[in-house]
């Protein structure tokens, strides 16, 4: 079968079916791989690339792909074969460091790099543990998507991942977090698929729902998760029991209803 091209109907049908129907075998394999140390890992199958785990994966032929080191060579072949994507329902999580510019000013470049690397490691592990995919790291921000392919309840998994990430970064510690974060979660339809040319392809997700999640994260305060009421309802949260707000998000014509979750110090 020849590789699909952008806009190819076969590609769209493949991605819509692939993303919309949970694959129990793939989810089980991902859970197994995620328990083998160590990071970094493949975005899709969670196979480790480094340490003892990376050595084990190389024995079965899995290694970082040449075109995109964030996925393994096996998953890369699938991405190249099915170039394109489809619009599906999913949940998005954005989390970023509060006051990163001031923090960088107080640190050496190496110290700030080490802080970001620690944050990236914590975020990757947390997202993978909740059956999500890290779409990308942009400076001091992580962007993750929770598609239905890895099981039902993607909104709940996104909210749980955001909560777990704040805990992992010390927001429940009496001395405060080792890095201050705010997060946003939204559920909606977005385009999920593959972009790029030849072997240099990567996974991405775009659309208004993605932008909404990013805007929510930008307005969250330290230790806060702003969850759209769409995501809250899908996650089974009770808005009546939570702080509720109406936000005017940048670039949005109408207000966005959200609930606020907090991870406080013990």
C-alpha atoms as a PDB file:
ATOM      1  CA  UNK A   1       0.000   0.000   0.000  1.00  0.00           C
ATOM      2  CA  UNK A   2       1.394   3.407  -0.935  1.00  0.00           C
ATOM      3  CA  UNK A   3       1.796   6.045   1.799  1.00  0.00           C
ATOM      4  CA  UNK A   4      -1.148   8.379   2.263  1.00  0.00           C
ATOM      5  CA  UNK A   5      -0.825  12.012   1.229  1.00  0.00           C
ATOM      6  CA  UNK A   6      -2.176  15.079   3.074  1.00  0.00           C
ATOM      7  CA  UNK A   7      -5.886  15.367   2.312  1.00  0.00           C
ATOM      8  CA  UNK A   8      -6.087  11.727   1.211  1.00  0.00           C
ATOM      9  CA  UNK A   9      -9.501  10.323   2.164  1.00  0.00           C
ATOM     10  CA  UNK A  10      -7.893   7.031   3.174  1.00  0.00           C
ATOM     11  CA  UNK A  11      -5.701   8.905   5.617  1.00  0.00           C
ATOM     12  CA  UNK A  12      -8.640  10.751   7.161  1.00  0.00           C
ATOM     13  CA  UNK A  13     -10.634   7.546   7.505  1.00  0.00           C
ATOM     14  CA  UNK A  14      -7.646   5.793   9.104  1.00  0.00           C
ATOM     15  CA  UNK A  15      -7.101   8.542  11.677  1.00  0.00           C
ATOM     16  CA  UNK A  16     -10.779   8.927  12.548  1.00  0.00           C
ATOM     17  CA  UNK A  17     -11.093   5.196  13.138  1.00  0.00           C
ATOM     18  CA  UNK A  18      -7.728   4.984  14.908  1.00  0.00           C
ATOM     19  CA  UNK A  19      -8.465   7.870  17.278  1.00  0.00           C
ATOM     20  CA  UNK A  20     -12.135   7.268  17.979  1.00  0.00           C
ATOM     21  CA  UNK A  21     -12.059   3.596  18.927  1.00  0.00           C
ATOM     22  CA  UNK A  22     -10.162   2.543  22.049  1.00  0.00           C
ATOM     23  CA  UNK A  23      -7.645  -0.216  21.331  1.00  0.00           C
ATOM     24  CA  UNK A  24      -7.344  -2.351  24.477  1.00  0.00           C
ATOM     25  CA  UNK A  25      -4.220  -4.122  23.232  1.00  0.00           C
ATOM     26  CA  UNK A  26      -2.450  -0.873  22.388  1.00  0.00           C
ATOM     27  CA  UNK A  27      -3.440   0.685  25.713  1.00  0.00           C
ATOM     28  CA  UNK A  28      -2.213  -2.400  27.571  1.00  0.00           C
ATOM     29  CA  UNK A  29       1.094  -2.345  25.678  1.00  0.00           C
ATOM     30  CA  UNK A  30       1.515   1.333  26.463  1.00  0.00           C
ATOM     31  CA  UNK A  31       0.955   0.677  30.165  1.00  0.00           C
ATOM     32  CA  UNK A  32       3.596  -2.063  30.133  1.00  0.00           C
ATOM     33  CA  UNK A  33       6.167   0.055  28.280  1.00  0.00           C
ATOM     34  CA  UNK A  34       5.519   3.055  30.556  1.00  0.00           C
ATOM     35  CA  UNK A  35       6.588   1.009  33.583  1.00  0.00           C
ATOM     36  CA  UNK A  36       9.984   0.173  32.076  1.00  0.00           C
ATOM     37  CA  UNK A  37      12.609   2.828  32.893  1.00  0.00           C
ATOM     38  CA  UNK A  38      13.544   5.320  31.630  1.00  0.00           C
ATOM     39  CA  UNK A  39      12.670   8.616  29.924  1.00  0.00           C
ATOM     40  CA  UNK A  40      12.597  10.007  27.281  1.00  0.00           C
ATOM     41  CA  UNK A  41       9.925   7.857  25.658  1.00  0.00           C
ATOM     42  CA  UNK A  42       8.036   7.405  22.421  1.00  0.00           C
ATOM     43  CA  UNK A  43       5.053   9.752  22.293  1.00  0.00           C
ATOM     44  CA  UNK A  44       2.751   6.999  21.049  1.00  0.00           C
ATOM     45  CA  UNK A  45       3.753   3.612  22.468  1.00  0.00           C
ATOM     46  CA  UNK A  46       5.690   4.915  25.530  1.00  0.00           C
ATOM     47  CA  UNK A  47       8.676   2.659  24.879  1.00  0.00           C
ATOM     48  CA  UNK A  48      11.751   4.021  26.726  1.00  0.00           C
ATOM     49  CA  UNK A  49      14.751   5.282  24.805  1.00  0.00           C
ATOM     50  CA  UNK A  50      17.411   5.541  27.532  1.00  0.00           C
ATOM     51  CA  UNK A  51      18.913   3.473  30.337  1.00  0.00           C
ATOM     52  CA  UNK A  52      18.210  -0.209  30.860  1.00  0.00           C
ATOM     53  CA  UNK A  53      14.746   0.152  29.325  1.00  0.00           C
ATOM     54  CA  UNK A  54      16.167   1.666  26.167  1.00  0.00           C
ATOM     55  CA  UNK A  55      18.582  -1.253  25.868  1.00  0.00           C
ATOM     56  CA  UNK A  56      15.723  -3.734  26.190  1.00  0.00           C
ATOM     57  CA  UNK A  57      13.740  -1.924  23.505  1.00  0.00           C
ATOM     58  CA  UNK A  58      16.692  -1.995  21.121  1.00  0.00           C
ATOM     59  CA  UNK A  59      16.800  -5.767  21.505  1.00  0.00           C
ATOM     60  CA  UNK A  60      13.306  -5.938  19.971  1.00  0.00           C
ATOM     61  CA  UNK A  61      14.120  -3.352  17.311  1.00  0.00           C
ATOM     62  CA  UNK A  62      12.665  -0.229  18.933  1.00  0.00           C
ATOM     63  CA  UNK A  63      14.781   2.929  18.964  1.00  0.00           C
ATOM     64  CA  UNK A  64      14.291   6.684  18.401  1.00  0.00           C
ATOM     65  CA  UNK A  65      13.467   7.344  14.766  1.00  0.00           C
ATOM     66  CA  UNK A  66      15.916   9.267  12.619  1.00  0.00           C
ATOM     67  CA  UNK A  67      13.284  11.730  11.413  1.00  0.00           C
ATOM     68  CA  UNK A  68      11.684  12.519  14.778  1.00  0.00           C
ATOM     69  CA  UNK A  69      13.413  11.424  18.019  1.00  0.00           C
ATOM     70  CA  UNK A  70      10.188  11.866  20.022  1.00  0.00           C
ATOM     71  CA  UNK A  71       8.724   8.690  18.484  1.00  0.00           C
ATOM     72  CA  UNK A  72      10.203   5.242  17.953  1.00  0.00           C
ATOM     73  CA  UNK A  73      11.072   3.859  14.524  1.00  0.00           C
ATOM     74  CA  UNK A  74       8.086   1.465  14.610  1.00  0.00           C
ATOM     75  CA  UNK A  75       5.550   4.208  15.274  1.00  0.00           C
ATOM     76  CA  UNK A  76       7.307   6.462  12.767  1.00  0.00           C
ATOM     77  CA  UNK A  77       6.590   3.956   9.994  1.00  0.00           C
ATOM     78  CA  UNK A  78       2.875   4.171  10.786  1.00  0.00           C
ATOM     79  CA  UNK A  79       2.972   7.982  10.764  1.00  0.00           C
ATOM     80  CA  UNK A  80       4.716   8.081   7.389  1.00  0.00           C
ATOM     81  CA  UNK A  81       2.324   5.526   5.912  1.00  0.00           C
ATOM     82  CA  UNK A  82      -0.751   7.391   7.120  1.00  0.00           C
ATOM     83  CA  UNK A  83       0.257  11.016   6.627  1.00  0.00           C
ATOM     84  CA  UNK A  84      -2.641  13.304   7.499  1.00  0.00           C
ATOM     85  CA  UNK A  85      -5.217  13.359  10.275  1.00  0.00           C
ATOM     86  CA  UNK A  86      -8.837  13.804  11.284  1.00  0.00           C
ATOM     87  CA  UNK A  87     -11.075  15.906  13.507  1.00  0.00           C
ATOM     88  CA  UNK A  88     -12.103  14.087  16.689  1.00  0.00           C
ATOM     89  CA  UNK A  89     -13.303  14.798  20.218  1.00  0.00           C
ATOM     90  CA  UNK A  90     -10.540  14.956  22.801  1.00  0.00           C
ATOM     91  CA  UNK A  91      -9.241  16.772  25.851  1.00  0.00           C
ATOM     92  CA  UNK A  92      -6.282  19.124  26.010  1.00  0.00           C
ATOM     93  CA  UNK A  93      -4.018  20.056  28.904  1.00  0.00           C
ATOM     94  CA  UNK A  94      -1.684  23.037  29.004  1.00  0.00           C
ATOM     95  CA  UNK A  95       0.545  23.807  31.992  1.00  0.00           C
ATOM     96  CA  UNK A  96       3.184  26.479  32.243  1.00  0.00           C
ATOM     97  CA  UNK A  97       5.619  27.948  34.724  1.00  0.00           C
ATOM     98  CA  UNK A  98       4.512  31.129  36.455  1.00  0.00           C
ATOM     99  CA  UNK A  99       7.084  33.933  36.465  1.00  0.00           C
ATOM    100  CA  UNK A 100       9.632  32.042  34.378  1.00  0.00           C
ATOM    101  CA  UNK A 101      11.221  35.233  33.031  1.00  0.00           C
ATOM    102  CA  UNK A 102      12.012  36.465  36.539  1.00  0.00           C
ATOM    103  CA  UNK A 103      13.234  33.006  37.538  1.00  0.00           C
ATOM    104  CA  UNK A 104      15.597  32.870  34.561  1.00  0.00           C
ATOM    105  CA  UNK A 105      16.948  36.285  35.504  1.00  0.00           C
ATOM    106  CA  UNK A 106      17.886  35.029  38.975  1.00  0.00           C
ATOM    107  CA  UNK A 107      19.550  31.840  37.701  1.00  0.00           C
ATOM    108  CA  UNK A 108      22.461  30.981  35.485  1.00  0.00           C
ATOM    109  CA  UNK A 109      21.539  29.630  32.054  1.00  0.00           C
ATOM    110  CA  UNK A 110      22.623  26.136  33.139  1.00  0.00           C
ATOM    111  CA  UNK A 111      20.522  26.275  36.315  1.00  0.00           C
ATOM    112  CA  UNK A 112      17.452  27.356  34.364  1.00  0.00           C
ATOM    113  CA  UNK A 113      18.049  24.593  31.820  1.00  0.00           C
ATOM    114  CA  UNK A 114      18.210  22.039  34.649  1.00  0.00           C
ATOM    115  CA  UNK A 115      14.919  23.364  36.076  1.00  0.00           C
ATOM    116  CA  UNK A 116      13.193  23.114  32.692  1.00  0.00           C
ATOM    117  CA  UNK A 117      14.577  19.627  32.158  1.00  0.00           C
ATOM    118  CA  UNK A 118      13.231  18.531  35.550  1.00  0.00           C
ATOM    119  CA  UNK A 119       9.844  20.032  34.664  1.00  0.00           C
ATOM    120  CA  UNK A 120       9.814  18.316  31.266  1.00  0.00           C
ATOM    121  CA  UNK A 121      10.619  14.967  32.887  1.00  0.00           C
ATOM    122  CA  UNK A 122       7.864  15.349  35.502  1.00  0.00           C
ATOM    123  CA  UNK A 123       5.325  16.459  32.889  1.00  0.00           C
ATOM    124  CA  UNK A 124       6.143  13.646  30.440  1.00  0.00           C
ATOM    125  CA  UNK A 125       5.907  10.976  33.107  1.00  0.00           C
ATOM    126  CA  UNK A 126       2.625  12.340  34.443  1.00  0.00           C
ATOM    127  CA  UNK A 127       0.964  12.644  31.021  1.00  0.00           C
ATOM    128  CA  UNK A 128       2.027   9.141  29.969  1.00  0.00           C
ATOM    129  CA  UNK A 129       0.856   7.695  33.309  1.00  0.00           C
ATOM    130  CA  UNK A 130      -2.621   9.081  32.554  1.00  0.00           C
ATOM    131  CA  UNK A 131      -2.702   7.766  28.971  1.00  0.00           C
ATOM    132  CA  UNK A 132      -2.063  11.079  27.294  1.00  0.00           C
ATOM    133  CA  UNK A 133       0.368  12.226  24.608  1.00  0.00           C
ATOM    134  CA  UNK A 134       2.809  15.099  25.042  1.00  0.00           C
ATOM    135  CA  UNK A 135       2.272  17.145  21.899  1.00  0.00           C
ATOM    136  CA  UNK A 136       5.191  19.474  22.551  1.00  0.00           C
ATOM    137  CA  UNK A 137       7.162  21.540  25.025  1.00  0.00           C
ATOM    138  CA  UNK A 138       7.354  25.222  24.152  1.00  0.00           C
ATOM    139  CA  UNK A 139       9.760  27.070  26.417  1.00  0.00           C
ATOM    140  CA  UNK A 140       8.215  26.889  29.887  1.00  0.00           C
ATOM    141  CA  UNK A 141       4.972  25.216  28.772  1.00  0.00           C
ATOM    142  CA  UNK A 142       3.799  21.664  28.148  1.00  0.00           C
ATOM    143  CA  UNK A 143       0.958  20.875  25.744  1.00  0.00           C
ATOM    144  CA  UNK A 144      -0.684  17.449  26.013  1.00  0.00           C
ATOM    145  CA  UNK A 145      -3.645  15.740  24.374  1.00  0.00           C
ATOM    146  CA  UNK A 146      -5.835  12.923  25.683  1.00  0.00           C
ATOM    147  CA  UNK A 147      -7.494  11.230  22.694  1.00  0.00           C
ATOM    148  CA  UNK A 148     -10.136   8.515  23.075  1.00  0.00           C
ATOM    149  CA  UNK A 149      -7.836   5.862  21.577  1.00  0.00           C
ATOM    150  CA  UNK A 150      -6.297   5.059  24.953  1.00  0.00           C
ATOM    151  CA  UNK A 151      -9.643   4.483  26.659  1.00  0.00           C
ATOM    152  CA  UNK A 152     -12.825   6.243  27.653  1.00  0.00           C
ATOM    153  CA  UNK A 153     -12.931   9.214  29.994  1.00  0.00           C
ATOM    154  CA  UNK A 154     -10.341  11.379  28.278  1.00  0.00           C
ATOM    155  CA  UNK A 155     -11.591  14.503  30.076  1.00  0.00           C
ATOM    156  CA  UNK A 156     -11.213  12.834  33.460  1.00  0.00           C
ATOM    157  CA  UNK A 157      -7.714  11.662  32.534  1.00  0.00           C
ATOM    158  CA  UNK A 158      -6.729  15.206  31.528  1.00  0.00           C
ATOM    159  CA  UNK A 159      -8.010  16.679  34.809  1.00  0.00           C
ATOM    160  CA  UNK A 160      -6.328  13.927  36.839  1.00  0.00           C
ATOM    161  CA  UNK A 161      -3.062  14.485  34.948  1.00  0.00           C
ATOM    162  CA  UNK A 162      -3.173  18.225  35.647  1.00  0.00           C
ATOM    163  CA  UNK A 163      -3.760  17.551  39.350  1.00  0.00           C
ATOM    164  CA  UNK A 164      -0.992  14.950  39.475  1.00  0.00           C
ATOM    165  CA  UNK A 165       1.435  17.307  37.720  1.00  0.00           C
ATOM    166  CA  UNK A 166       0.852  20.042  40.283  1.00  0.00           C
ATOM    167  CA  UNK A 167       1.434  17.523  43.050  1.00  0.00           C
ATOM    168  CA  UNK A 168       4.578  16.221  41.335  1.00  0.00           C
ATOM    169  CA  UNK A 169       5.970  19.751  41.194  1.00  0.00           C
ATOM    170  CA  UNK A 170       5.459  20.243  44.929  1.00  0.00           C
ATOM    171  CA  UNK A 171       2.264  22.294  45.134  1.00  0.00           C
ATOM    172  CA  UNK A 172       1.144  20.278  48.159  1.00  0.00           C
ATOM    173  CA  UNK A 173       4.488  20.565  49.934  1.00  0.00           C
ATOM    174  CA  UNK A 174       4.579  22.803  53.044  1.00  0.00           C
ATOM    175  CA  UNK A 175       7.580  24.661  51.624  1.00  0.00           C
ATOM    176  CA  UNK A 176       5.826  25.348  48.348  1.00  0.00           C
ATOM    177  CA  UNK A 177       6.463  24.054  44.798  1.00  0.00           C
ATOM    178  CA  UNK A 178       9.942  23.628  43.350  1.00  0.00           C
ATOM    179  CA  UNK A 179       8.482  25.166  40.214  1.00  0.00           C
ATOM    180  CA  UNK A 180       5.214  27.209  40.245  1.00  0.00           C
ATOM    181  CA  UNK A 181       2.642  26.070  37.676  1.00  0.00           C
ATOM    182  CA  UNK A 182      -0.806  27.014  36.454  1.00  0.00           C
ATOM    183  CA  UNK A 183      -2.844  24.740  34.167  1.00  0.00           C
ATOM    184  CA  UNK A 184      -5.849  24.692  31.873  1.00  0.00           C
ATOM    185  CA  UNK A 185      -8.016  21.813  30.633  1.00  0.00           C
ATOM    186  CA  UNK A 186     -10.627  21.881  27.873  1.00  0.00           C
ATOM    187  CA  UNK A 187     -12.613  19.287  25.945  1.00  0.00           C
ATOM    188  CA  UNK A 188     -13.742  19.719  22.349  1.00  0.00           C
ATOM    189  CA  UNK A 189     -13.175  18.772  18.742  1.00  0.00           C
ATOM    190  CA  UNK A 190      -9.706  19.248  17.306  1.00  0.00           C
ATOM    191  CA  UNK A 191      -7.659  18.096  14.319  1.00  0.00           C
ATOM    192  CA  UNK A 192      -5.189  15.407  15.328  1.00  0.00           C
ATOM    193  CA  UNK A 193      -2.649  13.958  12.952  1.00  0.00           C
ATOM    194  CA  UNK A 194       0.740  14.125  11.270  1.00  0.00           C
ATOM    195  CA  UNK A 195       2.492  17.024   9.594  1.00  0.00           C
ATOM    196  CA  UNK A 196       5.869  17.281   7.887  1.00  0.00           C
ATOM    197  CA  UNK A 197       7.554  15.821   4.853  1.00  0.00           C
ATOM    198  CA  UNK A 198       9.323  12.534   4.166  1.00  0.00           C
ATOM    199  CA  UNK A 199      10.765  10.945   7.294  1.00  0.00           C
ATOM    200  CA  UNK A 200      10.651  14.273   9.169  1.00  0.00           C
ATOM    201  CA  UNK A 201       7.065  14.051  10.398  1.00  0.00           C
ATOM    202  CA  UNK A 202       5.538  14.752  13.776  1.00  0.00           C
ATOM    203  CA  UNK A 203       2.243  14.490  15.601  1.00  0.00           C
ATOM    204  CA  UNK A 204       0.292  17.665  16.275  1.00  0.00           C
ATOM    205  CA  UNK A 205      -3.158  18.828  17.306  1.00  0.00           C
ATOM    206  CA  UNK A 206      -4.775  22.107  16.237  1.00  0.00           C
ATOM    207  CA  UNK A 207      -8.096  23.891  16.460  1.00  0.00           C
ATOM    208  CA  UNK A 208     -10.147  26.286  18.572  1.00  0.00           C
ATOM    209  CA  UNK A 209     -10.380  23.770  21.428  1.00  0.00           C
ATOM    210  CA  UNK A 210      -6.575  23.729  21.643  1.00  0.00           C
ATOM    211  CA  UNK A 211      -6.432  27.524  21.739  1.00  0.00           C
ATOM    212  CA  UNK A 212      -9.051  27.596  24.490  1.00  0.00           C
ATOM    213  CA  UNK A 213      -7.028  25.244  26.694  1.00  0.00           C
ATOM    214  CA  UNK A 214      -3.936  27.407  26.164  1.00  0.00           C
ATOM    215  CA  UNK A 215      -5.841  30.572  27.125  1.00  0.00           C
ATOM    216  CA  UNK A 216      -7.147  28.903  30.284  1.00  0.00           C
ATOM    217  CA  UNK A 217      -3.634  27.937  31.348  1.00  0.00           C
ATOM    218  CA  UNK A 218      -2.426  31.499  30.804  1.00  0.00           C
ATOM    219  CA  UNK A 219      -5.046  32.824  33.250  1.00  0.00           C
ATOM    220  CA  UNK A 220      -4.568  30.189  35.949  1.00  0.00           C
ATOM    221  CA  UNK A 221      -2.709  31.287  39.065  1.00  0.00           C
ATOM    222  CA  UNK A 222      -0.011  29.253  40.807  1.00  0.00           C
ATOM    223  CA  UNK A 223      -1.422  25.932  41.983  1.00  0.00           C
ATOM    224  CA  UNK A 224      -4.669  26.408  40.031  1.00  0.00           C
ATOM    225  CA  UNK A 225      -6.285  24.365  37.253  1.00  0.00           C
ATOM    226  CA  UNK A 226      -8.931  26.157  35.203  1.00  0.00           C
ATOM    227  CA  UNK A 227     -11.270  23.577  33.683  1.00  0.00           C
ATOM    228  CA  UNK A 228     -13.881  24.560  31.121  1.00  0.00           C
ATOM    229  CA  UNK A 229     -17.401  23.524  32.080  1.00  0.00           C
ATOM    230  CA  UNK A 230     -17.439  21.297  28.971  1.00  0.00           C
ATOM    231  CA  UNK A 231     -14.424  19.386  30.282  1.00  0.00           C
ATOM    232  CA  UNK A 232     -15.744  19.440  33.853  1.00  0.00           C
ATOM    233  CA  UNK A 233     -19.063  17.905  32.787  1.00  0.00           C
ATOM    234  CA  UNK A 234     -17.298  15.231  30.731  1.00  0.00           C
ATOM    235  CA  UNK A 235     -15.002  14.485  33.680  1.00  0.00           C
ATOM    236  CA  UNK A 236     -17.939  14.061  36.051  1.00  0.00           C
ATOM    237  CA  UNK A 237     -17.120  17.081  38.212  1.00  0.00           C
ATOM    238  CA  UNK A 238     -19.907  18.852  40.095  1.00  0.00           C
ATOM    239  CA  UNK A 239     -19.812  22.567  39.191  1.00  0.00           C
ATOM    240  CA  UNK A 240     -22.060  23.369  42.160  1.00  0.00           C
ATOM    241  CA  UNK A 241     -19.367  22.149  44.540  1.00  0.00           C
ATOM    242  CA  UNK A 242     -16.569  24.158  42.891  1.00  0.00           C
ATOM    243  CA  UNK A 243     -15.665  27.796  42.364  1.00  0.00           C
ATOM    244  CA  UNK A 244     -17.112  28.896  39.038  1.00  0.00           C
ATOM    245  CA  UNK A 245     -16.100  31.846  36.847  1.00  0.00           C
ATOM    246  CA  UNK A 246     -16.922  33.490  33.531  1.00  0.00           C
ATOM    247  CA  UNK A 247     -13.730  34.423  31.685  1.00  0.00           C
ATOM    248  CA  UNK A 248     -13.176  36.708  28.722  1.00  0.00           C
ATOM    249  CA  UNK A 249     -10.390  34.853  26.942  1.00  0.00           C
ATOM    250  CA  UNK A 250      -8.160  36.614  24.440  1.00  0.00           C
ATOM    251  CA  UNK A 251      -9.445  36.177  20.889  1.00  0.00           C
ATOM    252  CA  UNK A 252     -12.792  34.666  21.995  1.00  0.00           C
ATOM    253  CA  UNK A 253     -16.010  36.518  21.168  1.00  0.00           C
ATOM    254  CA  UNK A 254     -18.055  35.033  24.020  1.00  0.00           C
ATOM    255  CA  UNK A 255     -17.154  34.344  27.642  1.00  0.00           C
ATOM    256  CA  UNK A 256     -15.909  30.908  28.652  1.00  0.00           C
ATOM    257  CA  UNK A 257     -17.404  29.250  31.708  1.00  0.00           C
ATOM    258  CA  UNK A 258     -14.881  27.466  33.904  1.00  0.00           C
ATOM    259  CA  UNK A 259     -14.459  25.842  37.299  1.00  0.00           C
ATOM    260  CA  UNK A 260     -11.366  26.273  39.427  1.00  0.00           C
ATOM    261  CA  UNK A 261      -9.482  23.395  41.030  1.00  0.00           C
ATOM    262  CA  UNK A 262      -6.610  23.978  43.423  1.00  0.00           C
ATOM    263  CA  UNK A 263      -3.789  21.894  44.798  1.00  0.00           C
ATOM    264  CA  UNK A 264      -3.053  23.416  48.181  1.00  0.00           C
ATOM    265  CA  UNK A 265      -0.194  22.845  50.627  1.00  0.00           C
ATOM    266  CA  UNK A 266      -0.777  20.157  53.227  1.00  0.00           C
END
